[in-house]
Amino acid sequence: MSAINSLCHVIYALFGKRLGEKMVMAANVILHDWRIHVPFETNIPLHKEFLDTSDEEIIAAFSELDQESLDSALKYVSRHRDFLFTCRNTEVAFYNYNKIYPKADIQKSKELNARFKEEQKNFKYELDSEFGEVVSLVYHHGLILCPEKVIHYIRDHVFIDAGGCFGDSALIFLKYYNPGKVITFEPSSRNIQCCRMVMEQNHVEKSRYELAAFGLGRTCSTLFYDETFGSGNSLKNSQGGSSRVEIITLDRYCQDHGISDVRLIKADIEGMGLDMVMGAEEVIRANRPVLCLSIYHNREELFGIYDLLKQWELDYHFMIRKLS
């Protein structure tokens, strides 16, 4: 019997079972990091798609990737499948943070947050919301994991920033990677106004960036959706929405604007990632850009993007990494 169990029995003997249990509960709360808010909570209902995603399905889909890629996909889906509040696990309401996250993860999270705060200080912004994320300000959407030959390959060429939000990704690209130009696609009118303001506050020359108030998709169309302010703005919320946005394919945009030297496509577009890739086939085939694609919003992105790019037989090197 462990020392903790022995101590519990002593408390029960001295104070009785009912009062003893309350004392043990209070001691647990005091000694550990207990939390009431939902672990891995999200306002994106598409995460619920992972409830029926098995480990076997992930292993089969990504069997050709390296072990870290496989582990990253398994861990991500497990966190949302096994801990997300649903009708299946509504009894999870009060949990021990340290039992869910290993000590190494907690320490890494603290270090990443410190680096994130330091990088924020390098930029000027006046917003009613948090500026940037770890994925942009610390990991540079995965570019810090790339070898120097890849960085040299993309330098001085056009970068596509799909889902630009407030401009944090564009600023990072401009500061560290010397693109010829960054073209930021952002469908939210409020977000793009903030992005323009941030660019001006940071004295970015207008020749170095371009703001495109479009959504990117597989076909050109007009969409009405529920616009939200900030990074959670999703075109998937299109039922009965009142905000109008034009959807354009990246192929069409580059054709219309005479763009033929795209060397980086970064996309974090709240579940529309597969649609964006399908509408960018000509650009990807002709330019062979580095692709930094978020695949975590839904099953379409997680499985569909990798499967489609493999079908195109482009001889790309793929890896999945957790960048937050």
Protein backbone atom coordinates (compact mmCIF):
# COMPACT_ATOMS: atom_id res chain seq x y z
CA MET A 1 0.00 0.00 0.00
CA SER A 2 1.40 3.40 -0.95
CA ALA A 3 2.20 6.07 1.64
CA ILE A 4 -0.62 8.22 0.25
CA ASN A 5 -3.18 5.43 0.65
CA SER A 6 -1.94 4.78 4.17
CA LEU A 7 -2.30 8.45 5.03
CA CYS A 8 -5.85 8.46 3.66
CA HIS A 9 -6.79 5.53 5.87
CA VAL A 10 -5.36 7.32 8.91
CA ILE A 11 -7.44 10.42 8.07
CA TYR A 12 -10.58 8.30 7.66
CA ALA A 13 -9.92 6.60 11.01
CA LEU A 14 -9.42 9.91 12.82
CA PHE A 15 -12.18 12.00 11.25
CA GLY A 16 -14.58 9.47 9.78
CA LYS A 17 -15.11 8.54 6.12
CA ARG A 18 -17.34 11.45 5.14
CA LEU A 19 -15.22 14.26 6.61
CA GLY A 20 -12.02 12.40 5.72
CA GLU A 21 -12.93 12.26 2.03
CA LYS A 22 -13.53 16.01 2.00
CA MET A 23 -10.15 16.60 3.65
CA VAL A 24 -8.39 14.36 1.12
CA MET A 25 -10.16 16.17 -1.73
CA ALA A 26 -9.11 19.56 -0.34
CA ALA A 27 -5.51 18.35 0.03
CA ASN A 28 -5.50 17.19 -3.61
CA VAL A 29 -6.74 20.56 -4.80
CA ILE A 30 -4.09 22.37 -2.76
CA LEU A 31 -1.19 20.12 -3.77
CA HIS A 32 -1.96 19.65 -7.48
CA ASP A 33 -2.96 21.72 -10.49
CA TRP A 34 -6.67 20.97 -10.64
CA ARG A 35 -8.72 22.79 -13.27
CA ILE A 36 -12.39 23.21 -13.98
CA HIS A 37 -12.39 24.54 -17.56
CA VAL A 38 -12.59 21.99 -20.36
CA PRO A 39 -9.25 20.42 -21.34
CA PHE A 40 -8.55 21.01 -25.06
CA GLU A 41 -11.73 23.03 -25.36
CA THR A 42 -12.54 24.52 -28.74
CA ASN A 43 -15.18 26.67 -30.37
CA ILE A 44 -14.73 24.78 -33.64
CA PRO A 45 -17.34 21.98 -33.70
CA LEU A 46 -15.44 20.21 -36.49
CA HIS A 47 -13.07 18.76 -33.89
CA LYS A 48 -15.87 16.35 -32.98
CA GLU A 49 -15.15 14.53 -36.23
CA PHE A 50 -12.19 12.89 -34.51
CA LEU A 51 -14.40 11.03 -32.02
CA ASP A 52 -14.59 8.03 -34.34
CA THR A 53 -11.01 8.24 -35.64
CA SER A 54 -9.06 5.20 -34.49
CA ASP A 55 -5.33 4.87 -33.92
CA GLU A 56 -5.31 2.09 -36.52
CA GLU A 57 -6.74 4.47 -39.15
CA ILE A 58 -4.02 7.03 -38.44
CA ILE A 59 -1.24 4.43 -38.54
CA ALA A 60 -2.51 3.11 -41.87
CA ALA A 61 -2.84 6.59 -43.39
CA PHE A 62 0.62 7.85 -42.39
CA SER A 63 2.62 4.62 -42.37
CA GLU A 64 5.18 6.03 -44.83
CA LEU A 65 6.04 9.03 -42.66
CA ASP A 66 8.69 9.22 -39.95
CA GLN A 67 7.91 8.13 -36.39
CA GLU A 68 7.63 11.68 -35.04
CA SER A 69 4.98 12.45 -37.66
CA LEU A 70 3.02 9.38 -36.68
CA ASP A 71 3.34 10.16 -32.97
CA SER A 72 2.22 13.76 -33.55
CA ALA A 73 -0.93 12.69 -35.41
CA LEU A 74 -1.78 10.02 -32.84
CA LYS A 75 -1.27 12.40 -29.92
CA TYR A 76 -3.33 15.19 -31.45
CA VAL A 77 -6.31 13.02 -32.30
CA SER A 78 -6.17 11.30 -28.93
CA ARG A 79 -6.31 14.61 -27.09
CA HIS A 80 -9.46 15.66 -28.94
CA ARG A 81 -11.07 12.25 -29.14
CA ASP A 82 -10.49 11.23 -25.54
CA PHE A 83 -10.71 14.55 -23.65
CA LEU A 84 -13.02 16.84 -25.63
CA PHE A 85 -16.34 17.48 -23.85
CA THR A 86 -19.00 15.46 -25.63
CA CYS A 87 -22.09 13.46 -24.76
CA ARG A 88 -19.75 10.50 -24.34
CA ASN A 89 -17.59 11.97 -21.60
CA THR A 90 -19.61 14.67 -19.86
CA GLU A 91 -18.46 13.32 -16.51
CA VAL A 92 -15.08 15.00 -17.10
CA ALA A 93 -15.58 18.38 -15.45
CA PHE A 94 -12.80 18.74 -12.90
CA TYR A 95 -9.42 17.34 -13.84
CA ASN A 96 -5.83 17.19 -12.75
CA TYR A 97 -3.76 19.05 -15.34
CA ASN A 98 -0.59 17.17 -14.40
CA LYS A 99 -2.24 13.80 -14.99
CA ILE A 100 -3.12 14.66 -18.58
CA TYR A 101 0.06 16.49 -19.59
CA PRO A 102 3.45 14.84 -18.92
CA LYS A 103 5.99 16.97 -17.05
CA ALA A 104 8.10 17.29 -20.21
CA ASP A 105 5.12 18.74 -22.11
CA ILE A 106 4.35 21.20 -19.32
CA GLN A 107 7.97 22.38 -19.21
CA LYS A 108 8.12 22.71 -22.99
CA SER A 109 4.88 24.70 -22.94
CA LYS A 110 6.35 27.14 -20.43
CA GLU A 111 9.51 27.56 -22.52
CA LEU A 112 7.51 28.10 -25.73
CA ASN A 113 5.31 30.67 -24.04
CA ALA A 114 8.39 32.58 -22.80
CA ARG A 115 9.86 32.61 -26.32
CA PHE A 116 6.48 33.69 -27.70
CA LYS A 117 6.30 36.66 -25.32
CA GLU A 118 9.84 37.72 -26.24
CA GLU A 119 9.08 37.61 -29.96
CA GLN A 120 5.91 39.64 -29.46
CA LYS A 121 8.09 42.47 -28.14
CA ASN A 122 9.76 42.77 -31.55
CA PHE A 123 6.57 44.06 -33.17
CA LYS A 124 4.18 46.95 -32.69
CA TYR A 125 0.46 46.32 -32.52
CA GLU A 126 -2.61 47.89 -30.98
CA LEU A 127 -5.31 45.26 -30.96
CA ASP A 128 -8.26 44.21 -28.85
CA SER A 129 -6.99 40.65 -29.10
CA GLU A 130 -3.81 38.62 -28.59
CA PHE A 131 -1.25 39.17 -31.34
CA GLY A 132 0.21 36.06 -32.91
CA GLU A 133 0.53 32.46 -31.84
CA VAL A 134 3.37 30.09 -30.99
CA VAL A 135 3.04 28.47 -34.43
CA SER A 136 3.86 31.79 -36.14
CA LEU A 137 6.09 33.71 -33.74
CA VAL A 138 8.14 30.77 -32.44
CA TYR A 139 7.97 27.98 -35.03
CA HIS A 140 7.55 30.22 -38.10
CA HIS A 141 4.97 27.71 -39.35
CA GLY A 142 7.62 25.01 -39.43
CA LEU A 143 10.32 26.89 -41.33
CA ILE A 144 12.69 26.76 -38.35
CA LEU A 145 12.70 22.97 -38.82
CA CYS A 146 13.85 23.23 -42.43
CA PRO A 147 17.49 22.93 -43.56
CA GLU A 148 19.33 25.95 -44.91
CA LYS A 149 19.00 24.76 -48.52
CA VAL A 150 15.22 25.02 -48.20
CA ILE A 151 15.46 28.52 -46.73
CA HIS A 152 17.74 29.52 -49.60
CA TYR A 153 15.28 27.98 -52.08
CA ILE A 154 12.38 30.19 -50.97
CA ARG A 155 14.32 33.43 -50.46
CA ASP A 156 13.48 36.39 -52.76
CA HIS A 157 10.34 34.69 -54.09
CA VAL A 158 6.61 35.12 -53.44
CA PHE A 159 5.14 33.80 -50.18
CA ILE A 160 1.43 33.01 -49.90
CA ASP A 161 0.02 33.62 -46.41
CA ALA A 162 -3.46 32.08 -46.43
CA GLY A 163 -5.39 32.95 -43.30
CA GLY A 164 -3.33 36.00 -42.41
CA CYS A 165 -5.46 37.18 -39.48
CA PHE A 166 -3.60 40.18 -37.94
CA GLY A 167 -0.40 39.85 -39.99
CA ASP A 168 1.85 38.02 -37.51
CA SER A 169 2.86 35.38 -40.05
CA ALA A 170 3.64 37.97 -42.70
CA LEU A 171 5.81 39.95 -40.28
CA ILE A 172 7.76 36.83 -39.32
CA PHE A 173 8.31 35.91 -42.97
CA LEU A 174 9.46 39.43 -43.81
CA LYS A 175 11.78 39.65 -40.80
CA TYR A 176 13.55 36.29 -41.11
CA TYR A 177 13.19 34.91 -44.66
CA ASN A 178 13.51 37.84 -47.07
CA PRO A 179 10.66 37.03 -49.49
CA GLY A 180 10.22 39.04 -52.64
CA LYS A 181 6.67 39.72 -51.47
CA VAL A 182 4.14 38.26 -49.03
CA ILE A 183 0.58 38.00 -50.31
CA THR A 184 -1.82 37.67 -47.39
CA PHE A 185 -5.28 36.22 -47.98
CA GLU A 186 -7.80 37.06 -45.25
CA PRO A 187 -11.58 36.92 -45.80
CA SER A 188 -12.57 38.82 -42.63
CA SER A 189 -12.96 42.55 -43.29
CA ARG A 190 -12.17 43.39 -39.65
CA ASN A 191 -9.10 41.15 -39.60
CA ILE A 192 -7.74 42.60 -42.81
CA GLN A 193 -8.18 46.16 -41.49
CA CYS A 194 -6.16 45.16 -38.42
CA CYS A 195 -3.56 43.49 -40.63
CA ARG A 196 -3.16 46.67 -42.68
CA MET A 197 -2.81 48.70 -39.47
CA VAL A 198 -0.17 46.32 -38.09
CA MET A 199 1.83 46.54 -41.31
CA GLU A 200 1.78 50.32 -41.15
CA GLN A 201 2.71 50.37 -37.45
CA ASN A 202 5.72 48.18 -38.19
CA HIS A 203 6.76 50.36 -41.15
CA VAL A 204 6.60 47.57 -43.72
CA GLU A 205 7.12 48.93 -47.22
CA LYS A 206 3.98 48.53 -49.33
CA SER A 207 6.00 46.91 -52.11
CA ARG A 208 6.81 43.99 -49.80
CA TYR A 209 3.29 42.86 -48.99
CA GLU A 210 -0.15 42.61 -50.52
CA LEU A 211 -3.50 42.13 -48.78
CA ALA A 212 -6.07 40.08 -50.66
CA ALA A 213 -9.58 40.13 -49.18
CA PHE A 214 -10.53 36.71 -50.53
CA GLY A 215 -11.12 33.25 -49.20
CA LEU A 216 -9.21 30.49 -50.97
CA GLY A 217 -11.09 27.43 -52.22
CA ARG A 218 -11.35 24.77 -54.89
CA THR A 219 -13.61 26.90 -57.15
CA CYS A 220 -14.46 30.57 -57.55
CA SER A 221 -17.72 31.48 -55.86
CA THR A 222 -19.50 33.86 -53.47
CA LEU A 223 -20.07 32.75 -49.90
CA PHE A 224 -22.12 34.12 -47.02
CA TYR A 225 -20.83 33.14 -43.58
CA ASP A 226 -20.79 34.15 -39.92
CA GLU A 227 -17.75 36.38 -39.63
CA THR A 228 -15.87 36.41 -36.35
CA PHE A 229 -12.99 38.58 -35.23
CA GLY A 230 -9.59 36.99 -34.77
CA SER A 231 -7.95 33.67 -35.51
CA GLY A 232 -11.11 31.52 -35.25
CA ASN A 233 -12.76 33.09 -38.31
CA SER A 234 -14.03 30.11 -40.32
CA LEU A 235 -15.70 30.01 -43.71
CA LYS A 236 -17.14 26.67 -42.66
CA ASN A 237 -19.70 28.69 -40.64
CA SER A 238 -21.65 29.44 -43.79
CA GLN A 239 -25.21 28.47 -42.91
CA GLY A 240 -27.39 31.57 -42.70
CA GLY A 241 -24.41 33.91 -42.42
CA SER A 242 -24.67 37.58 -43.26
CA SER A 243 -21.04 38.38 -44.20
CA ARG A 244 -20.24 38.13 -47.89
CA VAL A 245 -16.86 37.00 -49.16
CA GLU A 246 -15.53 36.12 -52.58
CA ILE A 247 -13.84 32.73 -52.87
CA ILE A 248 -11.08 32.42 -55.42
CA THR A 249 -8.68 29.65 -56.31
CA LEU A 250 -5.00 30.34 -55.86
CA ASP A 251 -4.49 29.22 -59.45
CA ARG A 252 -6.92 31.87 -60.71
CA TYR A 253 -5.48 34.62 -58.51
CA CYS A 254 -1.91 33.96 -59.65
CA GLN A 255 -3.03 33.75 -63.28
CA ASP A 256 -4.93 37.06 -63.06
CA HIS A 257 -2.00 38.84 -61.37
CA GLY A 258 0.84 37.32 -63.41
CA ILE A 259 2.43 35.58 -60.40
CA SER A 260 4.75 32.75 -61.40
CA ASP A 261 7.34 32.51 -58.64
CA VAL A 262 5.50 31.20 -55.56
CA ARG A 263 7.97 29.36 -53.32
CA LEU A 264 6.01 29.15 -50.05
CA ILE A 265 2.36 28.48 -49.29
CA LYS A 266 1.38 28.74 -45.64
CA ALA A 267 -2.27 27.97 -44.94
CA ASP A 268 -4.19 27.91 -41.67
CA ILE A 269 -7.73 28.53 -42.87
CA GLU A 270 -9.98 26.90 -40.29
CA GLY A 271 -10.96 23.72 -42.07
CA MET A 272 -10.77 24.88 -45.70
CA GLY A 273 -7.24 23.56 -46.24
CA LEU A 274 -8.13 20.72 -48.62
CA ASP A 275 -10.27 23.03 -50.74
CA MET A 276 -7.39 25.50 -50.97
CA VAL A 277 -4.92 22.82 -52.10
CA MET A 278 -7.35 21.53 -54.74
CA GLY A 279 -7.61 25.07 -56.13
CA ALA A 280 -3.83 25.49 -56.19
CA GLU A 281 -2.76 22.45 -58.21
CA GLU A 282 -1.34 24.43 -61.13
CA VAL A 283 0.64 26.73 -58.83
CA ILE A 284 2.00 23.81 -56.82
CA ARG A 285 2.98 21.78 -59.88
CA ALA A 286 4.58 24.72 -61.69
CA ASN A 287 6.33 26.39 -58.74
CA ARG A 288 6.96 23.49 -56.32
CA PRO A 289 6.59 25.71 -53.25
CA VAL A 290 7.34 24.68 -49.70
CA LEU A 291 3.96 23.85 -48.14
CA CYS A 292 3.27 24.75 -44.50
CA LEU A 293 -0.29 23.51 -44.11
CA SER A 294 -2.43 23.23 -40.99
CA ILE A 295 -4.21 19.88 -41.04
CA TYR A 296 -5.79 19.81 -37.58
CA HIS A 297 -9.25 21.29 -38.11
CA ASN A 298 -11.08 18.26 -39.49
CA ARG A 299 -10.70 14.85 -41.08
CA GLU A 300 -10.67 16.36 -44.58
CA GLU A 301 -7.51 18.26 -43.77
CA LEU A 302 -5.85 15.58 -41.67
CA PHE A 303 -6.21 12.74 -44.17
CA GLY A 304 -7.27 14.44 -47.41
CA ILE A 305 -4.40 16.88 -47.99
CA TYR A 306 -1.66 14.28 -47.59
CA ASP A 307 -3.55 11.75 -49.70
CA LEU A 308 -4.15 14.28 -52.50
CA LEU A 309 -0.55 15.47 -52.62
CA LYS A 310 0.64 11.86 -52.76
CA GLN A 311 -1.72 11.19 -55.68
CA TRP A 312 -0.17 14.10 -57.57
CA GLU A 313 3.23 12.33 -57.36
CA LEU A 314 5.23 15.52 -56.83
CA ASP A 315 8.14 13.83 -55.05
CA TYR A 316 7.66 15.96 -51.93
CA HIS A 317 9.06 15.14 -48.51
CA PHE A 318 6.25 15.09 -45.93
CA MET A 319 6.28 15.46 -42.17
CA ILE A 320 3.72 16.22 -39.48
CA ARG A 321 4.79 18.32 -36.51
CA LYS A 322 2.96 19.78 -33.53
CA LEU A 323 3.76 23.49 -33.55
CA SER A 324 1.80 24.86 -30.61
